[in-house]
C-alpha atoms as a PDB file:
ATOM      1  CA  MET A   1      16.318  11.543  17.471  1.00  0.00           C
ATOM      2  CA  PRO A   2      15.845   7.784  16.683  1.00  0.00           C
ATOM      3  CA  GLY A   3      13.307   6.685  14.177  1.00  0.00           C
ATOM      4  CA  GLU A   4      12.622   3.460  11.587  1.00  0.00           C
ATOM      5  CA  LEU A   5      10.509   3.587   8.819  1.00  0.00           C
ATOM      6  CA  ALA A   6       9.425   0.490   7.234  1.00  0.00           C
ATOM      7  CA  LEU A   7       8.666   0.190   3.653  1.00  0.00           C
ATOM      8  CA  ASP A   8       5.357  -1.704   2.360  1.00  0.00           C
ATOM      9  CA  TRP A   9       7.528  -2.669  -0.109  1.00  0.00           C
ATOM     10  CA  THR A  10      11.053  -2.607  -1.521  1.00  0.00           C
ATOM     11  CA  PRO A  11      12.166   0.741  -2.518  1.00  0.00           C
ATOM     12  CA  ASN A  12      10.433   2.577  -5.250  1.00  0.00           C
ATOM     13  CA  THR A  13       9.666   6.348  -6.919  1.00  0.00           C
ATOM     14  CA  ASN A  14       6.720   5.733  -4.352  1.00  0.00           C
ATOM     15  CA  HIS A  15       9.233   6.073  -1.651  1.00  0.00           C
ATOM     16  CA  THR A  16      11.831   8.813  -3.723  1.00  0.00           C
ATOM     17  CA  GLY A  17      10.635  11.621  -1.158  1.00  0.00           C
ATOM     18  CA  PHE A  18      12.109   9.332   1.671  1.00  0.00           C
ATOM     19  CA  TYR A  19      15.498   9.550   0.102  1.00  0.00           C
ATOM     20  CA  VAL A  20      15.494  12.963  -1.324  1.00  0.00           C
ATOM     21  CA  ALA A  21      14.901  13.956   2.920  1.00  0.00           C
ATOM     22  CA  GLN A  22      17.276  11.642   4.089  1.00  0.00           C
ATOM     23  CA  SER A  23      20.111  12.784   0.934  1.00  0.00           C
ATOM     24  CA  LYS A  24      19.876  16.181   1.448  1.00  0.00           C
ATOM     25  CA  GLY A  25      19.792  15.897   4.759  1.00  0.00           C
ATOM     26  CA  TRP A  26      16.586  17.352   6.144  1.00  0.00           C
ATOM     27  CA  TYR A  27      15.857  14.651   8.481  1.00  0.00           C
ATOM     28  CA  ALA A  28      18.602  16.192  10.289  1.00  0.00           C
ATOM     29  CA  ASP A  29      17.678  19.378  10.398  1.00  0.00           C
ATOM     30  CA  GLU A  30      15.046  17.994  12.656  1.00  0.00           C
ATOM     31  CA  HIS A  31      17.484  16.525  14.729  1.00  0.00           C
ATOM     32  CA  ILE A  32      16.327  12.900  13.676  1.00  0.00           C
ATOM     33  CA  LYS A  33      18.236  10.371  13.018  1.00  0.00           C
ATOM     34  CA  LEU A  34      15.932   7.905  10.402  1.00  0.00           C
ATOM     35  CA  GLU A  35      16.791   4.526   9.265  1.00  0.00           C
ATOM     36  CA  ILE A  36      14.614   3.107   6.161  1.00  0.00           C
ATOM     37  CA  SER A  37      13.663  -0.865   6.912  1.00  0.00           C
ATOM     38  CA  SER A  38      12.694  -2.742   3.342  1.00  0.00           C
ATOM     39  CA  PRO A  39      11.012  -6.099   3.665  1.00  0.00           C
ATOM     40  CA  HIS A  40      12.792  -7.804   1.818  1.00  0.00           C
ATOM     41  CA  THR A  41      15.474  -8.309   4.588  1.00  0.00           C
ATOM     42  CA  SER A  42      13.071 -11.085   5.948  1.00  0.00           C
ATOM     43  CA  ASP A  43      10.996 -11.643   2.883  1.00  0.00           C
ATOM     44  CA  TYR A  44       8.787 -10.301   4.076  1.00  0.00           C
ATOM     45  CA  GLN A  45       8.038 -12.560   6.794  1.00  0.00           C
ATOM     46  CA  ILE A  46       6.214  -9.729   8.831  1.00  0.00           C
ATOM     47  CA  THR A  47       4.003  -6.923   7.589  1.00  0.00           C
ATOM     48  CA  PRO A  48       4.896  -3.164   8.191  1.00  0.00           C
ATOM     49  CA  VAL A  49       1.767  -2.937  10.442  1.00  0.00           C
ATOM     50  CA  ASN A  50       3.117  -6.046  12.608  1.00  0.00           C
ATOM     51  CA  LEU A  51       6.361  -4.283  12.897  1.00  0.00           C
ATOM     52  CA  LEU A  52       5.090  -1.003  13.353  1.00  0.00           C
ATOM     53  CA  THR A  53       2.281  -2.657  16.368  1.00  0.00           C
ATOM     54  CA  GLN A  54       5.462  -4.616  18.126  1.00  0.00           C
ATOM     55  CA  ASP A  55       7.125  -1.805  18.770  1.00  0.00           C
ATOM     56  CA  LYS A  56      10.049  -1.964  16.343  1.00  0.00           C
ATOM     57  CA  VAL A  57       9.587   1.054  14.299  1.00  0.00           C
ATOM     58  CA  THR A  58       8.588   4.175  15.000  1.00  0.00           C
ATOM     59  CA  PHE A  59       6.535   5.072  11.304  1.00  0.00           C
ATOM     60  CA  ALA A  60       4.978   2.638   8.682  1.00  0.00           C
ATOM     61  CA  ILE A  61       3.652   2.277   5.103  1.00  0.00           C
ATOM     62  CA  ALA A  62       0.585   0.331   4.057  1.00  0.00           C
ATOM     63  CA  PRO A  63      -2.561   1.324   1.900  1.00  0.00           C
ATOM     64  CA  SER A  64      -5.983   2.321   4.022  1.00  0.00           C
ATOM     65  CA  GLU A  65      -7.297  -1.080   3.690  1.00  0.00           C
ATOM     66  CA  SER A  66      -4.005  -2.326   6.495  1.00  0.00           C
ATOM     67  CA  ILE A  67      -5.154   0.389   9.185  1.00  0.00           C
ATOM     68  CA  ILE A  68      -9.175  -0.089   8.500  1.00  0.00           C
ATOM     69  CA  SER A  69      -8.730  -4.095   9.727  1.00  0.00           C
ATOM     70  CA  ALA A  70      -6.482  -2.811  12.755  1.00  0.00           C
ATOM     71  CA  GLN A  71      -9.553  -1.312  13.986  1.00  0.00           C
ATOM     72  CA  THR A  72     -11.217  -3.579  13.656  1.00  0.00           C
ATOM     73  CA  LEU A  73     -10.014  -6.902  14.557  1.00  0.00           C
ATOM     74  CA  GLN A  74     -12.369  -8.824  17.643  1.00  0.00           C
ATOM     75  CA  ASN A  75      -9.214  -7.966  19.401  1.00  0.00           C
ATOM     76  CA  ALA A  76      -8.433  -5.271  18.393  1.00  0.00           C
ATOM     77  CA  THR A  77      -8.040  -3.168  21.977  1.00  0.00           C
ATOM     78  CA  ASP A  78      -5.756  -4.836  23.163  1.00  0.00           C
ATOM     79  CA  LYS A  79      -3.031  -4.172  20.252  1.00  0.00           C
ATOM     80  CA  PRO A  80      -1.605  -0.239  20.044  1.00  0.00           C
ATOM     81  CA  HIS A  81      -4.371   2.109  18.453  1.00  0.00           C
ATOM     82  CA  ILE A  82      -2.289   3.225  14.732  1.00  0.00           C
ATOM     83  CA  GLN A  83      -3.462   6.016  12.823  1.00  0.00           C
ATOM     84  CA  ALA A  84      -2.553   7.269   8.990  1.00  0.00           C
ATOM     85  CA  VAL A  85      -0.824  10.576   9.439  1.00  0.00           C
ATOM     86  CA  ALA A  86      -0.151  11.458   5.295  1.00  0.00           C
ATOM     87  CA  ALA A  87      -0.700   9.976   2.352  1.00  0.00           C
ATOM     88  CA  VAL A  88       2.027   9.327   0.542  1.00  0.00           C
ATOM     89  CA  LEU A  89      -0.013   9.795  -2.893  1.00  0.00           C
ATOM     90  CA  GLN A  90      -2.760  11.731  -3.426  1.00  0.00           C
ATOM     91  CA  GLN A  91      -4.459   9.532  -6.129  1.00  0.00           C
ATOM     92  CA  ASP A  92      -4.940   6.103  -6.645  1.00  0.00           C
ATOM     93  CA  THR A  93      -2.320   4.906  -9.507  1.00  0.00           C
ATOM     94  CA  SER A  94      -2.691   0.988  -8.732  1.00  0.00           C
ATOM     95  CA  ALA A  95      -4.798  -1.733 -11.160  1.00  0.00           C
ATOM     96  CA  ILE A  96      -5.586  -5.145 -11.190  1.00  0.00           C
ATOM     97  CA  VAL A  97      -3.529  -5.995 -14.663  1.00  0.00           C
ATOM     98  CA  THR A  98      -3.413  -9.292 -16.837  1.00  0.00           C
ATOM     99  CA  ARG A  99      -1.377 -10.186 -19.250  1.00  0.00           C
ATOM    100  CA  THR A 100      -2.780  -8.832 -23.440  1.00  0.00           C
ATOM    101  CA  ASP A 101      -2.191 -12.458 -24.420  1.00  0.00           C
ATOM    102  CA  SER A 102      -4.142 -14.240 -21.747  1.00  0.00           C
ATOM    103  CA  GLY A 103      -6.927 -12.527 -23.746  1.00  0.00           C
ATOM    104  CA  ILE A 104      -8.527 -11.258 -20.659  1.00  0.00           C
ATOM    105  CA  ASP A 105      -9.169  -7.987 -20.960  1.00  0.00           C
ATOM    106  CA  ARG A 106     -12.210  -7.137 -18.434  1.00  0.00           C
ATOM    107  CA  PRO A 107     -12.375  -8.453 -14.712  1.00  0.00           C
ATOM    108  CA  ALA A 108     -15.523 -10.393 -15.676  1.00  0.00           C
ATOM    109  CA  GLN A 109     -13.978 -12.690 -17.897  1.00  0.00           C
ATOM    110  CA  LEU A 110     -11.756 -13.289 -14.101  1.00  0.00           C
ATOM    111  CA  ASP A 111     -14.338 -15.853 -13.030  1.00  0.00           C
ATOM    112  CA  GLY A 112     -12.688 -19.586 -12.777  1.00  0.00           C
ATOM    113  CA  LYS A 113      -8.999 -17.657 -13.403  1.00  0.00           C
ATOM    114  CA  ARG A 114      -5.328 -17.440 -10.988  1.00  0.00           C
ATOM    115  CA  TYR A 115      -4.957 -14.498  -8.926  1.00  0.00           C
ATOM    116  CA  ALA A 116      -1.884 -13.608  -7.427  1.00  0.00           C
ATOM    117  CA  SER A 117      -2.994 -12.551  -3.977  1.00  0.00           C
ATOM    118  CA  TYR A 118      -0.794 -10.816  -1.126  1.00  0.00           C
ATOM    119  CA  GLY A 119      -2.829 -11.967   1.393  1.00  0.00           C
ATOM    120  CA  ALA A 120      -4.358  -9.332   2.888  1.00  0.00           C
ATOM    121  CA  ARG A 121      -7.644  -9.478   4.847  1.00  0.00           C
ATOM    122  CA  TYR A 122      -9.856  -6.868   2.450  1.00  0.00           C
ATOM    123  CA  GLU A 123      -7.739  -7.358  -0.836  1.00  0.00           C
ATOM    124  CA  GLY A 124      -9.723 -10.871  -2.557  1.00  0.00           C
ATOM    125  CA  ARG A 125     -12.728  -9.725  -2.238  1.00  0.00           C
ATOM    126  CA  ILE A 126     -11.950  -6.869  -3.193  1.00  0.00           C
ATOM    127  CA  VAL A 127     -10.593  -8.252  -6.680  1.00  0.00           C
ATOM    128  CA  GLN A 128     -14.443 -10.302  -5.755  1.00  0.00           C
ATOM    129  CA  GLN A 129     -16.961  -7.351  -5.613  1.00  0.00           C
ATOM    130  CA  LEU A 130     -14.397  -5.748  -9.102  1.00  0.00           C
ATOM    131  CA  ILE A 131     -15.366  -8.697 -11.254  1.00  0.00           C
ATOM    132  CA  ARG A 132     -19.035  -8.732 -10.001  1.00  0.00           C
ATOM    133  CA  ASN A 133     -19.838  -5.458 -10.269  1.00  0.00           C
ATOM    134  CA  ASP A 134     -18.519  -6.212 -14.101  1.00  0.00           C
ATOM    135  CA  GLY A 135     -21.118  -8.767 -14.307  1.00  0.00           C
ATOM    136  CA  GLY A 136     -18.768 -11.865 -13.343  1.00  0.00           C
ATOM    137  CA  LYS A 137     -20.089 -14.334 -10.659  1.00  0.00           C
ATOM    138  CA  GLY A 138     -16.485 -13.579  -8.752  1.00  0.00           C
ATOM    139  CA  GLU A 139     -15.935 -17.089  -8.168  1.00  0.00           C
ATOM    140  CA  PHE A 140     -11.256 -17.544  -9.325  1.00  0.00           C
ATOM    141  CA  GLU A 141      -8.418 -19.028  -7.362  1.00  0.00           C
ATOM    142  CA  GLU A 142      -6.533 -16.537  -4.613  1.00  0.00           C
ATOM    143  CA  PHE A 143      -3.366 -18.103  -4.397  1.00  0.00           C
ATOM    144  CA  THR A 144      -0.646 -16.946  -2.532  1.00  0.00           C
ATOM    145  CA  PRO A 145       2.830 -16.807  -3.858  1.00  0.00           C
ATOM    146  CA  PRO A 146       5.778 -15.848  -1.737  1.00  0.00           C
ATOM    147  CA  LYS A 147       5.612 -12.295  -1.475  1.00  0.00           C
ATOM    148  CA  LEU A 148       8.488 -10.170  -3.781  1.00  0.00           C
ATOM    149  CA  GLY A 149       8.107 -12.903  -6.516  1.00  0.00           C
ATOM    150  CA  ILE A 150       3.754 -11.830  -7.451  1.00  0.00           C
ATOM    151  CA  TRP A 151       4.998 -10.156  -9.934  1.00  0.00           C
ATOM    152  CA  ASP A 152       7.312 -12.404 -12.009  1.00  0.00           C
ATOM    153  CA  THR A 153       3.978 -15.113 -11.667  1.00  0.00           C
ATOM    154  CA  ILE A 154       2.249 -12.448 -14.313  1.00  0.00           C
ATOM    155  CA  LEU A 155       5.924 -12.291 -15.841  1.00  0.00           C
ATOM    156  CA  LYS A 156       6.370 -15.764 -16.084  1.00  0.00           C
ATOM    157  CA  GLY A 157       2.333 -16.718 -16.685  1.00  0.00           C
ATOM    158  CA  GLU A 158       2.220 -18.470 -13.574  1.00  0.00           C
ATOM    159  CA  ALA A 159      -1.041 -16.178 -12.579  1.00  0.00           C
ATOM    160  CA  ASP A 160      -3.174 -14.525 -14.755  1.00  0.00           C
ATOM    161  CA  ALA A 161      -4.159 -11.515 -12.516  1.00  0.00           C
ATOM    162  CA  THR A 162      -2.633  -9.289  -9.668  1.00  0.00           C
ATOM    163  CA  TRP A 163      -2.821  -6.220  -7.955  1.00  0.00           C
ATOM    164  CA  ILE A 164       0.191  -3.730  -9.358  1.00  0.00           C
ATOM    165  CA  PHE A 165       1.043  -0.050  -9.102  1.00  0.00           C
ATOM    166  CA  GLU A 166       0.916   1.519 -12.496  1.00  0.00           C
ATOM    167  CA  GLY A 167       3.944   3.416 -12.536  1.00  0.00           C
ATOM    168  CA  TRP A 168       6.386   0.925 -11.078  1.00  0.00           C
ATOM    169  CA  GLU A 169       4.987  -3.170 -12.544  1.00  0.00           C
ATOM    170  CA  GLY A 170       3.488  -0.883 -15.002  1.00  0.00           C
ATOM    171  CA  ILE A 171       6.802   0.382 -16.245  1.00  0.00           C
ATOM    172  CA  GLU A 172       8.533  -2.457 -16.134  1.00  0.00           C
ATOM    173  CA  ALA A 173       5.670  -4.388 -18.515  1.00  0.00           C
ATOM    174  CA  GLU A 174       6.551  -1.553 -20.958  1.00  0.00           C
ATOM    175  CA  GLN A 175      10.474  -1.654 -20.632  1.00  0.00           C
ATOM    176  CA  LYS A 176      10.076  -5.771 -21.451  1.00  0.00           C
ATOM    177  CA  SER A 177       7.592  -5.622 -23.864  1.00  0.00           C
ATOM    178  CA  VAL A 178       5.011  -7.197 -21.689  1.00  0.00           C
ATOM    179  CA  ALA A 179       1.595  -5.555 -22.404  1.00  0.00           C
ATOM    180  CA  LEU A 180      -0.875  -5.140 -20.158  1.00  0.00           C
ATOM    181  CA  ASN A 181      -4.626  -5.131 -19.583  1.00  0.00           C
ATOM    182  CA  ARG A 182      -5.304  -2.662 -16.714  1.00  0.00           C
ATOM    183  CA  PHE A 183      -8.363  -2.671 -14.391  1.00  0.00           C
ATOM    184  CA  ARG A 184      -8.449   0.932 -12.103  1.00  0.00           C
ATOM    185  CA  LEU A 185     -11.115   0.360  -9.563  1.00  0.00           C
ATOM    186  CA  ALA A 186     -12.924   3.181  -9.937  1.00  0.00           C
ATOM    187  CA  ASP A 187     -13.734   2.314 -13.617  1.00  0.00           C
ATOM    188  CA  TYR A 188     -15.572  -1.014 -11.855  1.00  0.00           C
ATOM    189  CA  GLY A 189     -17.448   1.272  -9.087  1.00  0.00           C
ATOM    190  CA  VAL A 190     -14.836   0.724  -6.220  1.00  0.00           C
ATOM    191  CA  PRO A 191     -14.247   4.105  -5.066  1.00  0.00           C
ATOM    192  CA  TYR A 192     -10.828   2.441  -3.470  1.00  0.00           C
ATOM    193  CA  GLY A 193      -9.434   4.981  -0.275  1.00  0.00           C
ATOM    194  CA  TYR A 194      -5.528   5.884  -0.037  1.00  0.00           C
ATOM    195  CA  SER A 195      -2.320   3.541  -0.676  1.00  0.00           C
ATOM    196  CA  PRO A 196       0.165   4.320   0.321  1.00  0.00           C
ATOM    197  CA  LEU A 197      -0.236   6.189   3.569  1.00  0.00           C
ATOM    198  CA  VAL A 198       2.485   7.121   6.420  1.00  0.00           C
ATOM    199  CA  LEU A 199       1.117   5.253   9.954  1.00  0.00           C
ATOM    200  CA  ALA A 200       2.060   5.443  13.471  1.00  0.00           C
ATOM    201  CA  CYS A 201       1.307   4.525  16.930  1.00  0.00           C
ATOM    202  CA  SER A 202      -0.836   6.189  18.877  1.00  0.00           C
ATOM    203  CA  ASP A 203       1.021   6.407  21.484  1.00  0.00           C
ATOM    204  CA  THR A 204       3.852   7.953  19.565  1.00  0.00           C
ATOM    205  CA  LEU A 205       1.466  10.774  18.391  1.00  0.00           C
ATOM    206  CA  GLN A 206       0.489  11.374  21.999  1.00  0.00           C
ATOM    207  CA  LYS A 207       4.480  10.900  23.469  1.00  0.00           C
ATOM    208  CA  SER A 208       6.429  12.103  20.529  1.00  0.00           C
ATOM    209  CA  PRO A 209       4.754  14.290  18.836  1.00  0.00           C
ATOM    210  CA  ASP A 210       8.033  16.601  17.881  1.00  0.00           C
ATOM    211  CA  LEU A 211       9.287  13.830  16.350  1.00  0.00           C
ATOM    212  CA  VAL A 212       6.237  13.318  14.610  1.00  0.00           C
ATOM    213  CA  ARG A 213       5.640  16.415  13.185  1.00  0.00           C
ATOM    214  CA  GLY A 214       9.789  16.994  12.265  1.00  0.00           C
ATOM    215  CA  PHE A 215       9.505  13.091  10.621  1.00  0.00           C
ATOM    216  CA  LEU A 216       6.027  14.663   8.343  1.00  0.00           C
ATOM    217  CA  LYS A 217       7.922  17.944   8.283  1.00  0.00           C
ATOM    218  CA  ALA A 218      10.924  16.932   6.271  1.00  0.00           C
ATOM    219  CA  THR A 219       9.522  13.599   4.382  1.00  0.00           C
ATOM    220  CA  ALA A 220       6.944  17.032   3.307  1.00  0.00           C
ATOM    221  CA  ARG A 221      10.469  18.927   1.980  1.00  0.00           C
ATOM    222  CA  GLY A 222      11.431  15.345  -0.170  1.00  0.00           C
ATOM    223  CA  PHE A 223       8.377  14.787  -1.915  1.00  0.00           C
ATOM    224  CA  GLN A 224       7.695  18.682  -2.842  1.00  0.00           C
ATOM    225  CA  TYR A 225      10.797  18.535  -4.003  1.00  0.00           C
ATOM    226  CA  ALA A 226      10.213  15.294  -5.964  1.00  0.00           C
ATOM    227  CA  ALA A 227       7.367  16.348  -7.455  1.00  0.00           C
ATOM    228  CA  ASP A 228       9.076  19.614  -8.999  1.00  0.00           C
ATOM    229  CA  HIS A 229      11.952  17.972  -9.632  1.00  0.00           C
ATOM    230  CA  PRO A 230      11.123  14.402 -11.194  1.00  0.00           C
ATOM    231  CA  ASP A 231      14.376  14.177 -12.499  1.00  0.00           C
ATOM    232  CA  GLU A 232      17.069  15.340 -10.178  1.00  0.00           C
ATOM    233  CA  ALA A 233      14.643  13.125  -7.612  1.00  0.00           C
ATOM    234  CA  ALA A 234      15.033   9.923  -9.352  1.00  0.00           C
ATOM    235  CA  LYS A 235      19.210   9.819  -9.709  1.00  0.00           C
ATOM    236  CA  ILE A 236      19.074  10.870  -5.512  1.00  0.00           C
ATOM    237  CA  PHE A 237      16.557   8.192  -5.229  1.00  0.00           C
ATOM    238  CA  PHE A 238      18.478   5.196  -7.251  1.00  0.00           C
ATOM    239  CA  ASP A 239      22.081   6.505  -5.697  1.00  0.00           C
ATOM    240  CA  GLN A 240      20.558   6.602  -2.354  1.00  0.00           C
ATOM    241  CA  ALA A 241      18.702   3.310  -1.653  1.00  0.00           C
ATOM    242  CA  SER A 242      21.388   1.660  -4.423  1.00  0.00           C
ATOM    243  CA  LYS A 243      23.592   2.125  -1.510  1.00  0.00           C
ATOM    244  CA  GLU A 244      21.248   0.912   0.711  1.00  0.00           C
ATOM    245  CA  LEU A 245      20.492  -2.773  -1.245  1.00  0.00           C
ATOM    246  CA  GLN A 246      24.191  -3.446  -2.184  1.00  0.00           C
ATOM    247  CA  GLY A 247      24.552  -6.994  -2.370  1.00  0.00           C
ATOM    248  CA  ASP A 248      21.295  -8.118  -1.027  1.00  0.00           C
ATOM    249  CA  ALA A 249      18.379 -10.310  -2.912  1.00  0.00           C
ATOM    250  CA  PRO A 250      18.359  -9.822  -6.904  1.00  0.00           C
ATOM    251  CA  SER A 251      14.751  -9.049  -5.780  1.00  0.00           C
ATOM    252  CA  ALA A 252      15.619  -5.867  -4.477  1.00  0.00           C
ATOM    253  CA  GLU A 253      17.629  -4.653  -7.280  1.00  0.00           C
ATOM    254  CA  LEU A 254      16.389  -1.049  -8.950  1.00  0.00           C
ATOM    255  CA  HIS A 255      17.435  -0.597 -13.044  1.00  0.00           C
ATOM    256  CA  TRP A 256      18.024   2.763 -13.619  1.00  0.00           C
ATOM    257  CA  GLU A 257      16.159   3.008 -16.503  1.00  0.00           C
ATOM    258  CA  GLN A 258      12.893   1.758 -14.714  1.00  0.00           C
ATOM    259  CA  VAL A 259      13.428   4.394 -12.047  1.00  0.00           C
ATOM    260  CA  GLN A 260      13.970   6.822 -14.698  1.00  0.00           C
ATOM    261  CA  ALA A 261      11.003   6.130 -16.387  1.00  0.00           C
ATOM    262  CA  SER A 262       8.975   5.658 -13.470  1.00  0.00           C
ATOM    263  CA  GLN A 263      10.167   8.789 -11.661  1.00  0.00           C
ATOM    264  CA  PRO A 264       8.276  11.206 -13.728  1.00  0.00           C
ATOM    265  CA  PHE A 265       5.072   9.005 -13.508  1.00  0.00           C
ATOM    266  CA  VAL A 266       4.558   9.057 -10.099  1.00  0.00           C
ATOM    267  CA  SER A 267       5.987  12.796  -9.090  1.00  0.00           C
ATOM    268  CA  LYS A 268       3.010  14.161 -10.750  1.00  0.00           C
ATOM    269  CA  HIS A 269       0.683  12.164  -7.796  1.00  0.00           C
ATOM    270  CA  TYR A 270       2.394  13.854  -4.582  1.00  0.00           C
ATOM    271  CA  LEU A 271       0.751  16.349  -4.642  1.00  0.00           C
ATOM    272  CA  SER A 272      -3.012  18.054  -3.915  1.00  0.00           C
ATOM    273  CA  LYS A 273      -4.271  20.299  -6.349  1.00  0.00           C
ATOM    274  CA  ASP A 274      -2.761  23.329  -3.045  1.00  0.00           C
ATOM    275  CA  GLY A 275       0.562  21.925  -4.260  1.00  0.00           C
ATOM    276  CA  SER A 276       0.569  20.635  -0.320  1.00  0.00           C
ATOM    277  CA  TRP A 277       1.509  17.048   0.601  1.00  0.00           C
ATOM    278  CA  GLY A 278       0.201  14.428   2.994  1.00  0.00           C
ATOM    279  CA  ALA A 279      -3.628  15.413   3.758  1.00  0.00           C
ATOM    280  CA  MET A 280      -6.384  13.213   3.598  1.00  0.00           C
ATOM    281  CA  ASP A 281      -9.734  13.833   2.771  1.00  0.00           C
ATOM    282  CA  THR A 282     -12.638  12.749   5.909  1.00  0.00           C
ATOM    283  CA  ALA A 283     -14.927  12.633   2.425  1.00  0.00           C
ATOM    284  CA  ARG A 284     -12.612   9.921   0.837  1.00  0.00           C
ATOM    285  CA  TRP A 285     -12.412   8.224   4.008  1.00  0.00           C
ATOM    286  CA  ASP A 286     -15.777   7.323   4.271  1.00  0.00           C
ATOM    287  CA  LYS A 287     -16.527   7.286   1.349  1.00  0.00           C
ATOM    288  CA  PHE A 288     -14.345   3.613   1.076  1.00  0.00           C
ATOM    289  CA  LEU A 289     -15.988   2.791   4.280  1.00  0.00           C
ATOM    290  CA  ASP A 290     -19.853   3.191   2.969  1.00  0.00           C
ATOM    291  CA  TRP A 291     -18.577   1.166  -0.124  1.00  0.00           C
ATOM    292  CA  LEU A 292     -17.171  -1.313   2.115  1.00  0.00           C
ATOM    293  CA  SER A 293     -20.024  -2.106   4.148  1.00  0.00           C
ATOM    294  CA  GLU A 294     -22.501  -1.894   1.202  1.00  0.00           C
ATOM    295  CA  ALA A 295     -20.594  -4.617  -0.529  1.00  0.00           C
ATOM    296  CA  GLY A 296     -20.572  -6.684   2.673  1.00  0.00           C
ATOM    297  CA  LEU A 297     -16.815  -6.399   3.282  1.00  0.00           C
ATOM    298  CA  LEU A 298     -16.994  -5.089   7.084  1.00  0.00           C
ATOM    299  CA  THR A 299     -16.910  -8.674   8.842  1.00  0.00           C
ATOM    300  CA  THR A 300     -15.101  -9.752  11.693  1.00  0.00           C
ATOM    301  CA  LYS A 301     -13.418 -12.737  10.558  1.00  0.00           C
ATOM    302  CA  VAL A 302     -10.040 -12.524   9.614  1.00  0.00           C
ATOM    303  CA  GLN A 303      -7.647 -14.813   7.010  1.00  0.00           C
ATOM    304  CA  SER A 304      -5.526 -17.333   8.488  1.00  0.00           C
ATOM    305  CA  ARG A 305      -3.361 -20.091   6.640  1.00  0.00           C
ATOM    306  CA  HIS A 306      -4.300 -22.272   9.623  1.00  0.00           C
ATOM    307  CA  ALA A 307      -7.290 -23.712  10.489  1.00  0.00           C
ATOM    308  CA  GLU A 308      -9.924 -22.014   9.994  1.00  0.00           C
ATOM    309  CA  SER A 309     -11.947 -20.857  13.735  1.00  0.00           C
ATOM    310  CA  SER A 310     -14.451 -18.785  15.127  1.00  0.00           C
ATOM    311  CA  THR A 311     -13.197 -15.730  13.993  1.00  0.00           C
ATOM    312  CA  THR A 312     -11.062 -16.488  10.680  1.00  0.00           C
ATOM    313  CA  SER A 313     -11.125 -18.230   7.384  1.00  0.00           C
ATOM    314  CA  SER A 314      -8.421 -19.101   4.962  1.00  0.00           C
ATOM    315  CA  LEU A 315      -8.610 -16.644   2.253  1.00  0.00           C
ATOM    316  CA  MET A 316     -10.852 -18.635   0.344  1.00  0.00           C
ATOM    317  CA  GLY A 317     -13.143 -19.249   2.866  1.00  0.00           C
ATOM    318  CA  LEU A 318     -13.658 -15.828   2.637  1.00  0.00           C
ATOM    319  CA  LEU A 319     -14.486 -15.471  -1.032  1.00  0.00           C
ATOM    320  CA  LYS A 320     -16.842 -18.717  -0.628  1.00  0.00           C
ATOM    321  CA  GLY A 321     -18.657 -16.431   2.311  1.00  0.00           C
ATOM    322  CA  ASP A 322     -17.055 -17.437   5.322  1.00  0.00           C
ATOM    323  CA  VAL A 323     -16.676 -14.130   6.998  1.00  0.00           C
ATOM    324  CA  GLY A 324     -18.295 -13.919   9.837  1.00  0.00           C
ATOM    325  CA  ASP A 325     -20.764 -11.197  11.583  1.00  0.00           C
ATOM    326  CA  ARG A 326     -21.128  -7.746  10.054  1.00  0.00           C
ATOM    327  CA  ILE A 327     -18.802  -5.023  11.796  1.00  0.00           C
ATOM    328  CA  PRO A 328     -21.932  -1.787  11.977  1.00  0.00           C
ATOM    329  CA  ARG A 329     -20.674   1.208   9.953  1.00  0.00           C
ATOM    330  CA  THR A 330     -20.939   3.583  12.990  1.00  0.00           C
ATOM    331  CA  SER A 331     -18.489   1.990  14.815  1.00  0.00           C
ATOM    332  CA  VAL A 332     -15.463   2.219  11.831  1.00  0.00           C
ATOM    333  CA  LYS A 333     -14.940   6.229  11.988  1.00  0.00           C
ATOM    334  CA  ALA A 334     -12.771   8.251   9.721  1.00  0.00           C
ATOM    335  CA  SER A 335     -11.773  10.498  12.694  1.00  0.00           C
ATOM    336  CA  GLU A 336      -9.608   7.543  14.478  1.00  0.00           C
ATOM    337  CA  LEU A 337      -8.268   6.293  11.143  1.00  0.00           C
ATOM    338  CA  PHE A 338      -6.645   9.444  10.265  1.00  0.00           C
ATOM    339  CA  THR A 339      -4.973  12.507  11.645  1.00  0.00           C
ATOM    340  CA  ASN A 340      -3.935  15.191   9.592  1.00  0.00           C
ATOM    341  CA  SER A 341      -2.943  17.555  12.487  1.00  0.00           C
ATOM    342  CA  TYR A 342       0.610  17.064  12.232  1.00  0.00           C
ATOM    343  CA  LEU A 343       1.182  18.238   9.115  1.00  0.00           C
ATOM    344  CA  SER A 344       2.482  21.523   8.366  1.00  0.00           C
ATOM    345  CA  SER A 345       0.560  23.846   7.295  1.00  0.00           C
END
């Protein structure tokens, strides 16, 4: 069976398990011929979720907010229903970061500063609430560099802050002797959800359940191997991903030293306490949804680069309160956003 996985970023150690499973033939054991696509091939002109809903891929990688956003669009009933079918990481390894030499050593000091954004629907307002929770006003500039160049804006001092994975960009910063201040969301009263997740369309779940189960079974083997054997997994990932990236854009280039240092950090976050991969907890979803609702982030307007309308606003418009109507918390059910049903028991 053919299958394609759209990554959320250029290949990195969050993705190691997929490459291990592919290298060891575990997808082939499940009669799946898997292709892995990286967003650098299109300069990230289309998101993994859009690739999924346009039926261009079978599975996609994205954070909790992406699926919440997809299910709360005003025209959501016109689009394919999607669900999270596995959590890639069990703990949140992301953080909002600033350079230590910027003097911005707490979120409240981001008032009046520039935040390099991926342009996601809830992103800026989550950062805004983070600042407010630290006693700031939440008034800052959210701007959108080319997605694959966002991290470079921090390295070059062109932005004051952005959102990273500590196990990837954080490792790179250490190796480049760039000291970072790291503001972890949980430390400032933000009960963040899962990131990243594996998503699939409900149509695929219903029509091709064996494909989904086989894919997740092989993937779980890959991540369990990477958790148990980080050094070997790092080598497999580096060799496999480097072959795929050979001759591609410099933005996608892998460096062995970064992979080697990153893998032991990330491998600690793949599995749950009982040693399993992928399972999600309803209470964690509900806690994040409750927080989004209580903070006033569950609203109807979505981000747009075009003229504002009754259903859209600019990123800065969202930050300034042009958010549309509140979406009732009761209308957003965790049970419709994720399922553990396709994971091996």
